[in-house]
């Protein structure tokens, strides 16, 4: 089978406005003939107004030989480095990602009615294929020691990462020597990255460089956690462009004192008329990409802004299940620490429903040694779900040691970040899809105290129509709040209606609004002919300074919806929340399957970590 390396290695960091820096993942030259591609980024930023500390988690996705993995990140000063867990990102996805809900209301002109259910769906997630290859030792020539023009500030191990903090000893002459040191130590810095790295060396930045430790597998790659002094949020795109794919997903979650906004990128609102509502909003990602392309290819959309949701709704056995967004009880290890036997320890893990991630499963296997040759995550997830027993239940076990290992590997970092998110005034989810040629500046963010919250649930309403006035439903009315209401023929059932492709909507812009957001004031709508000017004008914007410093006339409406279709009438048999059917099921499947797919992908991603 053809080997394909797929990676999303990236960095988000918090830097002063004068030093916007981001990192990149590289494969040493000559080790592979296949480019390492970055296909997604998930970044989490939290700012503590009391301690003036900034916390950032960066999810690193990578598929390929573990010995090839390396990651380099420039910073204005040396950070504290630790590890997080993708489980927290997955829960945030479920709580804040865009959802599309199609409700079914009063049937129209029908002499007979039957109840239909409402559809419920959410934006899809992506997963990256993994590999079971074991790591080989990286080239250690000069590793961990000062080199010509390079000083090693720290060499340590965290999780399964071996990392160094290095700095050039000369701002004017050390750039080439820093690049050489990184290349000599198997960090694979390509020539295309040198100009970017040169600028950081000239500013005196510190570089964080990581490898996997020898013997680690790629399933043990976990998010990097950085703690820094009060600084500004930045997402990597310039270095990312070296190995990115077209329409790469970038998801940035920011917790702070207000709604987070992009400063040097525009903002778009997706046009609901371009969404395939009767098909479960399956085209949302494509519409999002098109909307961003209408903003010079450099813009974010806000999928959620507000207090962190306290619960998430998923689908289990075709039923909606509501669970806490972050169940901190499940992350408590105090009772587990008191366990003296294998049985008591396992029972506590089952009772508190401890999430079984790769990091957790590795700890469990160390103490229980039950999985054998089976995948440890799958094994312990199934055993927990089935309330299964472990072998030798009376065997002695050091519960305190197990609890301490779980605290370090999973519970403590996840619990602390979850608490920061829960206590934040607002949590904002910003998304973009961007291609390498558009990655010309690193997005930076600020907070607005005046912009309204944004719900992640997008609603539309469908009304079944019996155009002949009998009980045969042969059309559907789609109502988009604030835009209008239109009729679509559906002789073969509503699932085959392609509303977005209808001649009335096919030429509508994908972006209902293209705008500039700032810390104060209302959004500034951008005219189509001014998009290029605005993109250039805000390129150097940062927090505390108005983004748009040129005078432009605000845009009017980008699109005028077609006239609303007249009612066919309402017969005596029609009633609210009902709709005629023509030999078809209630309207759950289209949107419901999209949610199920998103949940399955999230579960697969956790199992693959």
Protein backbone atom coordinates (compact mmCIF):
# COMPACT_ATOMS: atom_id res chain seq x y z
CA UNK A 1 0.00 0.00 0.00
CA UNK A 2 1.36 3.45 -0.89
CA UNK A 3 2.66 5.19 2.19
CA UNK A 4 1.17 8.62 2.77
CA UNK A 5 2.45 11.00 5.43
CA UNK A 6 -0.19 13.32 6.77
CA UNK A 7 0.54 15.80 9.52
CA UNK A 8 -0.85 18.86 11.19
CA UNK A 9 1.98 20.15 13.32
CA UNK A 10 1.59 23.69 14.41
CA UNK A 11 1.96 26.19 17.21
CA UNK A 12 -0.12 28.97 18.67
CA UNK A 13 1.52 31.29 21.11
CA UNK A 14 0.96 34.49 22.93
CA UNK A 15 3.39 37.20 22.04
CA UNK A 16 3.87 40.95 22.39
CA UNK A 17 2.60 42.89 19.42
CA UNK A 18 6.14 43.46 18.20
CA UNK A 19 6.92 39.77 17.96
CA UNK A 20 4.25 37.67 16.30
CA UNK A 21 5.85 34.24 15.99
CA UNK A 22 4.50 30.81 15.26
CA UNK A 23 6.00 27.37 14.84
CA UNK A 24 6.11 24.54 12.39
CA UNK A 25 6.51 20.79 12.06
CA UNK A 26 9.28 19.49 9.85
CA UNK A 27 10.68 16.18 8.66
CA UNK A 28 14.45 15.92 8.32
CA UNK A 29 15.65 16.14 4.73
CA UNK A 30 16.31 12.84 3.01
CA UNK A 31 14.21 10.71 5.36
CA UNK A 32 11.11 10.66 3.21
CA UNK A 33 10.19 11.36 -0.38
CA UNK A 34 6.61 12.26 0.54
CA UNK A 35 5.87 15.78 1.81
CA UNK A 36 4.56 16.13 5.36
CA UNK A 37 1.20 17.86 5.03
CA UNK A 38 -0.69 19.77 7.67
CA UNK A 39 -4.46 19.26 7.42
CA UNK A 40 -5.89 20.85 10.56
CA UNK A 41 -5.08 22.95 13.59
CA UNK A 42 -6.84 23.09 16.95
CA UNK A 43 -5.60 25.73 19.34
CA UNK A 44 -6.86 26.77 22.77
CA UNK A 45 -5.98 30.03 24.47
CA UNK A 46 -6.88 31.17 27.99
CA UNK A 47 -5.86 34.41 29.66
CA UNK A 48 -5.87 34.91 33.45
CA UNK A 49 -6.51 38.56 34.30
CA UNK A 50 -5.46 38.03 37.93
CA UNK A 51 -2.12 36.28 37.49
CA UNK A 52 -1.47 37.95 34.11
CA UNK A 53 -0.58 34.54 32.73
CA UNK A 54 -1.46 33.21 29.30
CA UNK A 55 -2.09 29.51 28.74
CA UNK A 56 -2.12 27.88 25.34
CA UNK A 57 -2.70 24.31 24.20
CA UNK A 58 -1.65 23.32 20.71
CA UNK A 59 -2.82 20.03 19.24
CA UNK A 60 -0.18 18.39 17.09
CA UNK A 61 -1.49 15.85 14.58
CA UNK A 62 0.99 13.74 12.73
CA UNK A 63 1.04 10.48 10.81
CA UNK A 64 4.33 8.99 9.73
CA UNK A 65 7.45 7.41 11.22
CA UNK A 66 7.83 8.66 14.83
CA UNK A 67 11.57 9.12 14.36
CA UNK A 68 10.84 11.70 11.65
CA UNK A 69 8.71 13.90 13.88
CA UNK A 70 10.07 17.27 14.96
CA UNK A 71 8.53 20.58 15.89
CA UNK A 72 10.13 24.02 16.25
CA UNK A 73 8.55 27.06 17.86
CA UNK A 74 10.01 30.57 18.30
CA UNK A 75 9.04 32.48 21.47
CA UNK A 76 9.96 35.87 22.93
CA UNK A 77 11.08 34.19 26.17
CA UNK A 78 11.44 30.71 27.59
CA UNK A 79 8.02 29.20 28.50
CA UNK A 80 7.00 26.48 30.91
CA UNK A 81 6.33 23.40 28.73
CA UNK A 82 3.96 20.55 29.61
CA UNK A 83 1.38 18.34 27.86
CA UNK A 84 -2.40 18.40 27.58
CA UNK A 85 -4.91 15.97 26.07
CA UNK A 86 -7.04 15.99 22.90
CA UNK A 87 -10.05 14.85 24.95
CA UNK A 88 -10.55 18.46 26.02
CA UNK A 89 -10.52 19.66 22.39
CA UNK A 90 -13.06 16.97 21.48
CA UNK A 91 -15.42 18.06 24.25
CA UNK A 92 -15.09 21.68 23.16
CA UNK A 93 -15.95 20.64 19.59
CA UNK A 94 -19.13 18.97 20.79
CA UNK A 95 -20.11 21.96 22.93
CA UNK A 96 -19.31 24.85 20.58
CA UNK A 97 -19.06 23.66 16.94
CA UNK A 98 -21.70 24.86 14.49
CA UNK A 99 -24.96 22.91 14.55
CA UNK A 100 -27.81 23.09 12.04
CA UNK A 101 -31.33 22.37 13.21
CA UNK A 102 -34.27 22.02 10.83
CA UNK A 103 -37.61 22.20 12.67
CA UNK A 104 -40.86 21.04 11.08
CA UNK A 105 -43.86 23.29 11.72
CA UNK A 106 -47.42 23.81 10.51
CA UNK A 107 -48.32 21.91 7.35
CA UNK A 108 -49.75 24.01 4.55
CA UNK A 109 -52.91 23.39 2.48
CA UNK A 110 -53.16 19.77 3.65
CA UNK A 111 -56.41 18.06 4.58
CA UNK A 112 -54.53 15.48 6.65
CA UNK A 113 -51.55 15.84 8.90
CA UNK A 114 -49.13 13.57 10.74
CA UNK A 115 -46.44 14.46 13.23
CA UNK A 116 -42.85 14.89 12.16
CA UNK A 117 -39.80 15.21 14.32
CA UNK A 118 -37.23 17.97 14.16
CA UNK A 119 -33.83 17.30 12.72
CA UNK A 120 -30.68 17.99 14.67
CA UNK A 121 -27.18 18.10 13.24
CA UNK A 122 -23.78 19.62 13.77
CA UNK A 123 -20.68 20.56 11.83
CA UNK A 124 -18.43 17.64 11.03
CA UNK A 125 -15.10 16.89 12.67
CA UNK A 126 -11.94 15.60 11.05
CA UNK A 127 -9.70 12.77 12.12
CA UNK A 128 -6.17 11.95 11.06
CA UNK A 129 -5.04 8.44 10.31
CA UNK A 130 -2.38 7.06 12.63
CA UNK A 131 0.61 4.74 12.41
CA UNK A 132 2.00 2.07 14.67
CA UNK A 133 5.62 2.65 13.72
CA UNK A 134 8.02 2.82 16.65
CA UNK A 135 10.39 5.72 17.01
CA UNK A 136 14.03 5.50 16.18
CA UNK A 137 16.57 7.62 18.00
CA UNK A 138 17.03 11.05 16.37
CA UNK A 139 20.45 12.25 15.37
CA UNK A 140 21.99 13.32 18.66
CA UNK A 141 25.14 15.00 17.33
CA UNK A 142 25.69 17.95 19.64
CA UNK A 143 22.17 17.50 21.05
CA UNK A 144 21.55 19.22 24.37
CA UNK A 145 24.85 21.09 24.39
CA UNK A 146 25.87 24.53 23.22
CA UNK A 147 27.01 24.81 19.64
CA UNK A 148 28.78 27.43 17.58
CA UNK A 149 26.56 30.51 17.92
CA UNK A 150 23.84 28.63 19.81
CA UNK A 151 23.20 28.37 23.56
CA UNK A 152 21.06 25.54 25.04
CA UNK A 153 18.98 27.06 27.83
CA UNK A 154 17.21 23.87 28.83
CA UNK A 155 17.06 20.22 27.81
CA UNK A 156 14.25 18.17 29.38
CA UNK A 157 11.56 15.57 28.81
CA UNK A 158 7.82 16.09 29.22
CA UNK A 159 5.37 13.31 28.43
CA UNK A 160 6.85 11.50 25.45
CA UNK A 161 8.63 14.58 24.16
CA UNK A 162 12.31 15.37 24.39
CA UNK A 163 12.66 19.12 24.06
CA UNK A 164 15.29 21.83 24.15
CA UNK A 165 15.11 25.58 24.58
CA UNK A 166 17.82 27.19 22.46
CA UNK A 167 18.82 30.74 21.63
CA UNK A 168 21.30 32.30 19.23
CA UNK A 169 24.18 34.05 20.95
CA UNK A 170 24.31 36.79 18.33
CA UNK A 171 21.26 38.59 16.97
CA UNK A 172 23.07 39.80 13.89
CA UNK A 173 25.17 36.75 13.00
CA UNK A 174 23.45 33.82 14.71
CA UNK A 175 20.59 33.12 12.32
CA UNK A 176 22.50 30.82 9.98
CA UNK A 177 24.14 29.08 12.92
CA UNK A 178 20.77 28.51 14.61
CA UNK A 179 19.37 26.98 11.44
CA UNK A 180 22.46 24.78 11.09
CA UNK A 181 22.21 23.63 14.73
CA UNK A 182 18.54 22.67 14.24
CA UNK A 183 19.33 20.83 11.02
CA UNK A 184 22.33 19.04 12.56
CA UNK A 185 20.08 17.86 15.39
CA UNK A 186 17.51 16.38 13.02
CA UNK A 187 14.83 19.08 13.22
CA UNK A 188 14.62 19.22 9.43
CA UNK A 189 14.24 22.97 9.01
CA UNK A 190 13.66 23.48 5.26
CA UNK A 191 15.29 26.30 3.36
CA UNK A 192 11.86 27.89 2.82
CA UNK A 193 11.57 28.48 6.58
CA UNK A 194 14.92 30.24 6.99
CA UNK A 195 13.79 33.83 6.29
CA UNK A 196 11.06 33.50 8.94
CA UNK A 197 13.41 31.98 11.49
CA UNK A 198 16.03 34.64 10.71
CA UNK A 199 13.63 37.38 11.79
CA UNK A 200 13.09 35.68 15.16
CA UNK A 201 16.79 35.23 15.79
CA UNK A 202 17.29 38.92 15.05
CA UNK A 203 14.80 39.72 17.83
CA UNK A 204 16.50 37.42 20.30
CA UNK A 205 13.67 34.86 20.42
CA UNK A 206 14.01 31.51 22.15
CA UNK A 207 13.30 28.37 20.12
CA UNK A 208 11.43 25.38 21.57
CA UNK A 209 12.39 22.28 19.59
CA UNK A 210 10.79 18.87 20.19
CA UNK A 211 11.34 15.25 19.20
CA UNK A 212 9.53 12.14 20.34
CA UNK A 213 11.62 10.12 22.77
CA UNK A 214 13.13 6.91 21.42
CA UNK A 215 10.63 4.05 21.54
CA UNK A 216 7.53 6.27 21.56
CA UNK A 217 4.76 5.69 19.01
CA UNK A 218 2.84 8.44 17.25
CA UNK A 219 -0.23 7.51 19.30
CA UNK A 220 1.60 9.10 22.21
CA UNK A 221 1.75 12.52 20.54
CA UNK A 222 -0.30 14.86 22.69
CA UNK A 223 -1.10 18.58 22.71
CA UNK A 224 1.70 20.85 23.87
CA UNK A 225 0.81 23.12 26.80
CA UNK A 226 2.65 26.42 27.24
CA UNK A 227 2.46 28.89 30.12
CA UNK A 228 3.73 32.40 29.45
CA UNK A 229 3.57 35.90 30.85
CA UNK A 230 0.69 38.11 29.77
CA UNK A 231 0.81 38.33 25.99
CA UNK A 232 -1.22 38.44 22.78
CA UNK A 233 -2.73 35.43 21.02
CA UNK A 234 -1.26 34.38 17.68
CA UNK A 235 -1.96 31.45 15.38
CA UNK A 236 0.71 29.99 13.07
CA UNK A 237 0.15 30.32 9.38
CA UNK A 238 3.40 31.49 7.78
CA UNK A 239 5.46 28.45 8.78
CA UNK A 240 2.38 26.28 8.44
CA UNK A 241 2.14 27.22 4.75
CA UNK A 242 5.30 25.25 4.00
CA UNK A 243 3.51 21.92 4.46
CA UNK A 244 -0.20 22.75 4.46
CA UNK A 245 -3.02 21.44 2.28
CA UNK A 246 -5.66 23.49 0.48
CA UNK A 247 -8.64 24.54 2.59
CA UNK A 248 -6.94 23.53 5.83
CA UNK A 249 -9.20 23.77 8.88
CA UNK A 250 -8.08 26.11 11.65
CA UNK A 251 -10.10 26.12 14.89
CA UNK A 252 -9.15 28.64 17.58
CA UNK A 253 -10.92 28.65 20.94
CA UNK A 254 -10.22 31.67 23.14
CA UNK A 255 -11.35 32.24 26.73
CA UNK A 256 -11.23 35.80 28.03
CA UNK A 257 -13.03 38.87 29.28
CA UNK A 258 -15.11 39.36 26.12
CA UNK A 259 -15.92 37.94 22.73
CA UNK A 260 -12.71 37.14 20.87
CA UNK A 261 -12.18 38.81 17.50
CA UNK A 262 -9.52 38.56 14.75
CA UNK A 263 -7.53 41.80 14.49
CA UNK A 264 -5.54 41.41 11.28
CA UNK A 265 -8.01 39.15 9.44
CA UNK A 266 -11.54 39.92 8.33
CA UNK A 267 -14.67 38.25 9.70
CA UNK A 268 -17.46 36.57 7.72
CA UNK A 269 -21.00 35.42 8.44
CA UNK A 270 -22.00 32.40 6.37
CA UNK A 271 -25.11 32.87 4.19
CA UNK A 272 -27.82 30.46 5.48
CA UNK A 273 -29.36 30.34 1.98
CA UNK A 274 -26.27 28.50 0.72
CA UNK A 275 -26.64 25.72 3.32
CA UNK A 276 -28.13 22.39 2.24
CA UNK A 277 -30.76 22.32 4.99
CA UNK A 278 -32.68 19.29 3.72
CA UNK A 279 -29.42 17.36 3.37
CA UNK A 280 -28.25 17.78 6.96
CA UNK A 281 -26.06 20.84 6.21
CA UNK A 282 -23.47 18.48 4.74
CA UNK A 283 -22.05 21.29 2.56
CA UNK A 284 -21.27 23.63 5.45
CA UNK A 285 -17.49 23.28 5.24
CA UNK A 286 -17.54 24.04 1.51
CA UNK A 287 -19.74 27.11 2.04
CA UNK A 288 -17.46 28.28 4.86
CA UNK A 289 -14.42 28.00 2.58
CA UNK A 290 -16.21 29.91 -0.18
CA UNK A 291 -17.27 32.65 2.25
CA UNK A 292 -13.66 33.10 3.40
CA UNK A 293 -12.49 33.19 -0.23
CA UNK A 294 -14.84 36.16 -0.71
CA UNK A 295 -12.81 37.92 2.00
CA UNK A 296 -9.47 37.61 0.17
CA UNK A 297 -9.06 34.10 1.57
CA UNK A 298 -8.10 35.50 4.99
CA UNK A 299 -11.04 35.63 7.40
CA UNK A 300 -12.60 33.86 10.38
CA UNK A 301 -16.19 32.95 11.15
CA UNK A 302 -17.54 32.88 14.71
CA UNK A 303 -19.29 29.59 15.43
CA UNK A 304 -19.86 30.29 19.11
CA UNK A 305 -19.37 33.13 21.59
CA UNK A 306 -20.66 33.20 25.15
CA UNK A 307 -20.31 31.52 28.50
CA UNK A 308 -18.97 27.99 28.11
CA UNK A 309 -21.96 25.64 27.65
CA UNK A 310 -22.44 23.50 30.75
CA UNK A 311 -23.54 20.45 28.76
CA UNK A 312 -23.26 18.81 25.36
CA UNK A 313 -25.81 16.72 23.50
CA UNK A 314 -24.74 13.66 21.54
CA UNK A 315 -26.49 10.66 20.02
CA UNK A 316 -26.36 7.21 21.62
CA UNK A 317 -28.48 4.33 20.29
CA UNK A 318 -30.48 6.85 18.24
CA UNK A 319 -31.36 8.84 21.37
CA UNK A 320 -30.12 12.26 22.39
CA UNK A 321 -27.87 12.09 25.44
CA UNK A 322 -26.92 15.15 27.46
CA UNK A 323 -23.72 15.12 29.51
CA UNK A 324 -21.66 17.82 31.26
CA UNK A 325 -19.19 19.59 29.00
CA UNK A 326 -16.46 18.87 31.53
CA UNK A 327 -17.35 16.54 34.38
CA UNK A 328 -14.75 17.50 36.98
CA UNK A 329 -15.99 14.72 39.28
CA UNK A 330 -14.71 12.22 36.73
CA UNK A 331 -11.26 13.79 37.00
CA UNK A 332 -11.05 13.50 40.82
CA UNK A 333 -8.47 10.94 41.96
CA UNK A 334 -8.74 11.33 45.75
CA UNK A 335 -10.88 8.22 46.29
CA UNK A 336 -8.81 6.21 43.82
CA UNK A 337 -5.68 7.06 45.80
CA UNK A 338 -7.12 5.17 48.78
CA UNK A 339 -7.59 1.92 46.83
CA UNK A 340 -5.50 -1.03 48.03
CA UNK A 341 -6.60 -3.69 45.52
CA UNK A 342 -6.98 -3.94 41.77
CA UNK A 343 -10.72 -4.48 42.14
CA UNK A 344 -11.23 -1.40 44.32
CA UNK A 345 -9.21 0.76 41.96
CA UNK A 346 -11.07 -0.42 38.87
CA UNK A 347 -14.47 -0.01 40.54
CA UNK A 348 -13.67 3.59 41.32
CA UNK A 349 -12.66 4.24 37.72
CA UNK A 350 -15.97 2.76 36.53
CA UNK A 351 -18.04 4.67 39.11
CA UNK A 352 -16.55 8.08 38.36
CA UNK A 353 -16.54 7.43 34.59
CA UNK A 354 -12.94 8.48 34.11
CA UNK A 355 -12.43 9.32 30.39
CA UNK A 356 -10.30 6.62 28.76
CA UNK A 357 -7.88 8.47 26.49
CA UNK A 358 -4.56 7.16 25.23
CA UNK A 359 -2.73 8.74 28.18
CA UNK A 360 -5.20 7.26 30.69
CA UNK A 361 -5.20 3.82 29.05
CA UNK A 362 -1.41 3.68 29.14
CA UNK A 363 -1.45 4.29 32.90
CA UNK A 364 -4.20 1.70 33.44
CA UNK A 365 -2.28 -0.90 31.47
CA UNK A 366 0.83 -0.24 33.55
CA UNK A 367 -1.06 -1.25 36.69
CA UNK A 368 -3.65 -3.77 35.43
CA UNK A 369 -1.77 -5.37 32.51
CA UNK A 370 -5.00 -6.66 31.00
CA UNK A 371 -5.04 -5.52 27.36
CA UNK A 372 -2.34 -7.85 26.05
CA UNK A 373 -2.02 -7.37 22.30
CA UNK A 374 -5.32 -5.47 22.05
CA UNK A 375 -5.49 -1.72 21.57
CA UNK A 376 -5.34 -0.42 25.13
CA UNK A 377 -7.79 2.46 24.58
CA UNK A 378 -10.44 0.26 22.99
CA UNK A 379 -9.94 -2.47 25.58
CA UNK A 380 -10.42 -0.28 28.64
CA UNK A 381 -13.20 1.79 27.06
CA UNK A 382 -15.20 -1.37 26.37
CA UNK A 383 -14.44 -2.84 29.78
CA UNK A 384 -15.60 0.36 31.45
CA UNK A 385 -18.76 0.63 29.31
CA UNK A 386 -19.72 -2.98 30.05
CA UNK A 387 -18.90 -2.58 33.75
CA UNK A 388 -16.56 -5.50 33.26
CA UNK A 389 -14.34 -7.11 35.86
CA UNK A 390 -10.59 -7.18 35.87
CA UNK A 391 -8.60 -10.32 36.43
CA UNK A 392 -7.27 -11.12 39.92
CA UNK A 393 -9.65 -8.66 41.63
CA UNK A 394 -8.05 -9.32 45.03
CA UNK A 395 -4.53 -8.54 43.84
CA UNK A 396 -2.76 -5.76 45.71
CA UNK A 397 -2.36 -2.40 44.02
CA UNK A 398 -0.82 0.93 45.01
CA UNK A 399 -3.78 3.25 44.50
CA UNK A 400 -1.80 6.31 45.55
CA UNK A 401 0.84 5.68 42.89
CA UNK A 402 -1.80 5.07 40.20
CA UNK A 403 -3.67 8.25 41.19
CA UNK A 404 -0.44 10.25 41.03
CA UNK A 405 0.36 8.92 37.56
CA UNK A 406 -3.16 9.72 36.32
CA UNK A 407 -2.93 13.20 37.79
CA UNK A 408 0.28 13.90 35.89
CA UNK A 409 -0.73 12.23 32.63
CA UNK A 410 -4.31 13.48 32.32
CA UNK A 411 -6.43 14.66 35.24
CA UNK A 412 -4.51 17.68 36.52
CA UNK A 413 -3.82 19.49 33.21
CA UNK A 414 -7.34 18.79 31.90
CA UNK A 415 -9.03 19.78 35.17
CA UNK A 416 -7.09 23.04 35.45
CA UNK A 417 -7.78 24.09 31.85
CA UNK A 418 -11.45 23.08 32.16
CA UNK A 419 -11.74 25.26 35.25
CA UNK A 420 -10.18 28.21 33.42
CA UNK A 421 -12.65 27.80 30.57
CA UNK A 422 -15.61 27.45 32.92
CA UNK A 423 -14.72 30.59 34.89
CA UNK A 424 -14.04 32.75 31.81
CA UNK A 425 -16.50 35.53 31.06
CA UNK A 426 -16.77 34.29 27.49
CA UNK A 427 -15.48 31.48 25.32
CA UNK A 428 -15.24 32.10 21.57
CA UNK A 429 -14.83 29.54 18.80
CA UNK A 430 -13.36 31.02 15.61
CA UNK A 431 -12.90 28.90 12.50
CA UNK A 432 -11.33 29.34 9.09
CA UNK A 433 -10.45 27.28 6.04
CA UNK A 434 -7.32 28.50 4.31
CA UNK A 435 -4.86 27.39 1.62
CA UNK A 436 -1.05 27.75 1.67
CA UNK A 437 -0.98 30.62 -0.84
CA UNK A 438 -3.25 32.63 1.49
CA UNK A 439 -1.11 32.11 4.63
CA UNK A 440 0.71 35.42 4.41
CA UNK A 441 0.22 36.67 7.97
CA UNK A 442 -0.16 35.14 11.42
CA UNK A 443 -3.64 35.91 12.82
CA UNK A 444 -3.72 37.80 16.13
CA UNK A 445 -6.74 38.29 18.38
CA UNK A 446 -8.27 40.66 20.91
CA UNK A 447 -11.53 40.87 22.89
CA UNK A 448 -14.67 42.95 22.44
CA UNK A 449 -16.90 43.84 25.37
CA UNK A 450 -19.70 45.11 23.13
CA UNK A 451 -20.27 42.52 20.42
CA UNK A 452 -23.21 40.16 21.08
CA UNK A 453 -22.95 36.47 21.89
CA UNK A 454 -23.24 33.96 19.05
CA UNK A 455 -25.19 30.72 19.34
CA UNK A 456 -23.71 27.65 17.69
CA UNK A 457 -27.21 26.39 16.82
CA UNK A 458 -28.39 27.63 13.43
CA UNK A 459 -32.13 27.21 12.85
CA UNK A 460 -34.42 26.91 9.88
CA UNK A 461 -38.06 25.83 9.65
CA UNK A 462 -39.72 23.49 7.13
CA UNK A 463 -43.45 23.33 6.38
CA UNK A 464 -44.91 20.46 4.40
CA UNK A 465 -47.21 21.59 1.56
CA UNK A 466 -50.07 19.76 -0.17
CA UNK A 467 -50.43 21.89 -3.31
CA UNK A 468 -53.56 20.04 -4.44
CA UNK A 469 -55.28 20.60 -1.10
CA UNK A 470 -55.49 16.87 -0.30
CA UNK A 471 -53.30 14.71 1.91
CA UNK A 472 -50.44 14.28 -0.58
CA UNK A 473 -47.46 16.37 0.39
CA UNK A 474 -45.55 17.33 -2.76
CA UNK A 475 -43.63 20.44 -1.69
CA UNK A 476 -41.75 21.93 1.23
CA UNK A 477 -41.49 25.50 2.44
CA UNK A 478 -38.12 26.51 3.88
CA UNK A 479 -38.11 29.52 6.19
CA UNK A 480 -34.82 31.18 7.12
CA UNK A 481 -35.35 33.61 10.02
CA UNK A 482 -34.72 37.18 8.94
CA UNK A 483 -34.35 36.31 5.25
CA UNK A 484 -37.58 34.88 3.90
CA UNK A 485 -39.63 31.80 3.04
CA UNK A 486 -39.59 29.80 -0.20
CA UNK A 487 -41.31 26.74 -1.67
CA UNK A 488 -39.47 23.75 -3.18
CA UNK A 489 -41.02 20.86 -5.03
CA UNK A 490 -40.53 17.48 -3.31
CA UNK A 491 -42.37 14.77 -5.27
CA UNK A 492 -39.80 12.19 -4.09
CA UNK A 493 -39.44 13.37 -0.50
CA UNK A 494 -37.74 16.32 1.12
CA UNK A 495 -34.36 14.57 1.40
CA UNK A 496 -33.84 15.08 -2.36
CA UNK A 497 -34.43 18.83 -2.20
CA UNK A 498 -31.23 20.70 -3.01
CA UNK A 499 -32.25 24.16 -1.82
CA UNK A 500 -28.75 25.63 -2.03
CA UNK A 501 -28.46 24.61 -5.70
CA UNK A 502 -31.84 26.14 -6.62
CA UNK A 503 -31.60 28.87 -9.27
CA UNK A 504 -32.83 31.37 -6.69
CA UNK A 505 -29.82 30.73 -4.42
CA UNK A 506 -27.05 29.18 -6.53
CA UNK A 507 -25.54 32.57 -7.33
CA UNK A 508 -25.96 34.05 -3.84
CA UNK A 509 -22.71 34.97 -2.09
CA UNK A 510 -21.43 32.41 0.39
CA UNK A 511 -20.75 35.23 2.87
CA UNK A 512 -23.84 37.09 4.02
CA UNK A 513 -21.49 39.62 5.63
CA UNK A 514 -17.81 40.44 5.17
CA UNK A 515 -16.72 42.78 7.95
CA UNK A 516 -13.99 44.08 10.23
CA UNK A 517 -14.42 43.55 13.97
CA UNK A 518 -12.77 45.66 16.65
CA UNK A 519 -12.60 45.91 20.45
CA UNK A 520 -15.28 48.61 20.43
CA UNK A 521 -18.12 49.54 18.16
CA UNK A 522 -20.24 47.63 15.67
CA UNK A 523 -18.86 45.50 12.82
CA UNK A 524 -17.70 47.53 9.81
CA UNK A 525 -19.24 46.01 6.64
CA UNK A 526 -16.78 45.80 3.75
CA UNK A 527 -17.74 46.47 0.14
CA UNK A 528 -16.83 43.84 -2.45
CA UNK A 529 -14.56 46.30 -4.24
CA UNK A 530 -12.82 47.24 -0.96
CA UNK A 531 -11.90 43.73 0.20
CA UNK A 532 -8.33 43.93 -1.11
CA UNK A 533 -7.77 47.38 0.39
CA UNK A 534 -9.05 46.27 3.79
CA UNK A 535 -7.00 43.07 3.75
CA UNK A 536 -3.85 45.13 3.23
CA UNK A 537 -4.85 47.87 5.67
CA UNK A 538 -5.37 45.53 8.64
CA UNK A 539 -2.27 43.40 8.01
CA UNK A 540 -0.34 44.97 10.90
CA UNK A 541 -3.22 45.35 13.34
CA UNK A 542 -2.86 44.18 16.92
CA UNK A 543 -4.69 44.50 20.24
CA UNK A 544 -5.24 47.96 21.63
CA UNK A 545 -5.09 49.79 18.28
CA UNK A 546 -8.03 50.22 15.86
CA UNK A 547 -7.67 47.64 13.10
CA UNK A 548 -8.84 49.75 10.16
CA UNK A 549 -6.96 53.06 9.91
CA UNK A 550 -8.22 54.15 6.49
CA UNK A 551 -11.50 55.87 5.67
CA UNK A 552 -13.92 53.78 3.62
CA UNK A 553 -17.66 53.89 3.10
CA UNK A 554 -19.44 50.95 4.76
CA UNK A 555 -21.05 48.38 2.51
CA UNK A 556 -24.76 47.88 2.15
CA UNK A 557 -26.39 44.45 1.95
CA UNK A 558 -24.26 42.04 -0.07
CA UNK A 559 -27.32 40.10 -1.20
CA UNK A 560 -31.04 40.70 -1.60
CA UNK A 561 -33.00 37.47 -0.99
CA UNK A 562 -35.61 36.53 -3.60
CA UNK A 563 -39.21 37.47 -2.73
CA UNK A 564 -40.97 35.25 -0.22
CA UNK A 565 -43.39 32.78 -1.83
CA UNK A 566 -47.08 33.24 -1.06
CA UNK A 567 -48.91 30.78 1.17
CA UNK A 568 -50.91 27.99 -0.41
CA UNK A 569 -53.37 28.19 2.45
CA UNK A 570 -54.01 26.26 5.63
CA UNK A 571 -56.71 23.59 5.81
CA UNK A 572 -58.59 22.40 8.87
CA UNK A 573 -56.46 19.29 9.12
CA UNK A 574 -53.23 21.23 9.52
CA UNK A 575 -51.75 21.92 12.92
CA UNK A 576 -48.56 23.27 14.44
CA UNK A 577 -45.53 20.99 14.66
CA UNK A 578 -47.03 18.60 12.11
CA UNK A 579 -46.66 17.95 8.41
CA UNK A 580 -48.14 15.76 5.69
CA UNK A 581 -46.00 12.86 4.58
CA UNK A 582 -45.81 10.98 1.34
CA UNK A 583 -44.74 7.53 2.34
CA UNK A 584 -41.62 8.76 4.10
CA UNK A 585 -40.14 8.77 7.58
CA UNK A 586 -40.13 11.69 10.02
CA UNK A 587 -37.47 14.23 9.14
CA UNK A 588 -34.75 13.24 11.55
CA UNK A 589 -32.31 11.20 9.42
CA UNK A 590 -30.59 13.81 7.23
CA UNK A 591 -29.46 16.11 10.00
CA UNK A 592 -29.26 13.40 12.63
CA UNK A 593 -26.80 11.34 10.62
CA UNK A 594 -24.49 14.34 10.41
CA UNK A 595 -24.40 14.60 14.19
CA UNK A 596 -23.84 10.85 14.53
CA UNK A 597 -20.98 11.10 12.04
CA UNK A 598 -19.39 13.91 14.01
CA UNK A 599 -19.63 11.91 17.24
CA UNK A 600 -18.17 8.79 15.62
CA UNK A 601 -15.26 10.77 14.22
CA UNK A 602 -14.60 12.32 17.61
CA UNK A 603 -14.62 8.88 19.25
CA UNK A 604 -12.29 7.50 16.59
CA UNK A 605 -9.92 10.41 17.09
CA UNK A 606 -9.74 9.78 20.83
CA UNK A 607 -9.11 6.09 20.26
CA UNK A 608 -6.38 6.88 17.73
CA UNK A 609 -4.43 9.13 20.06
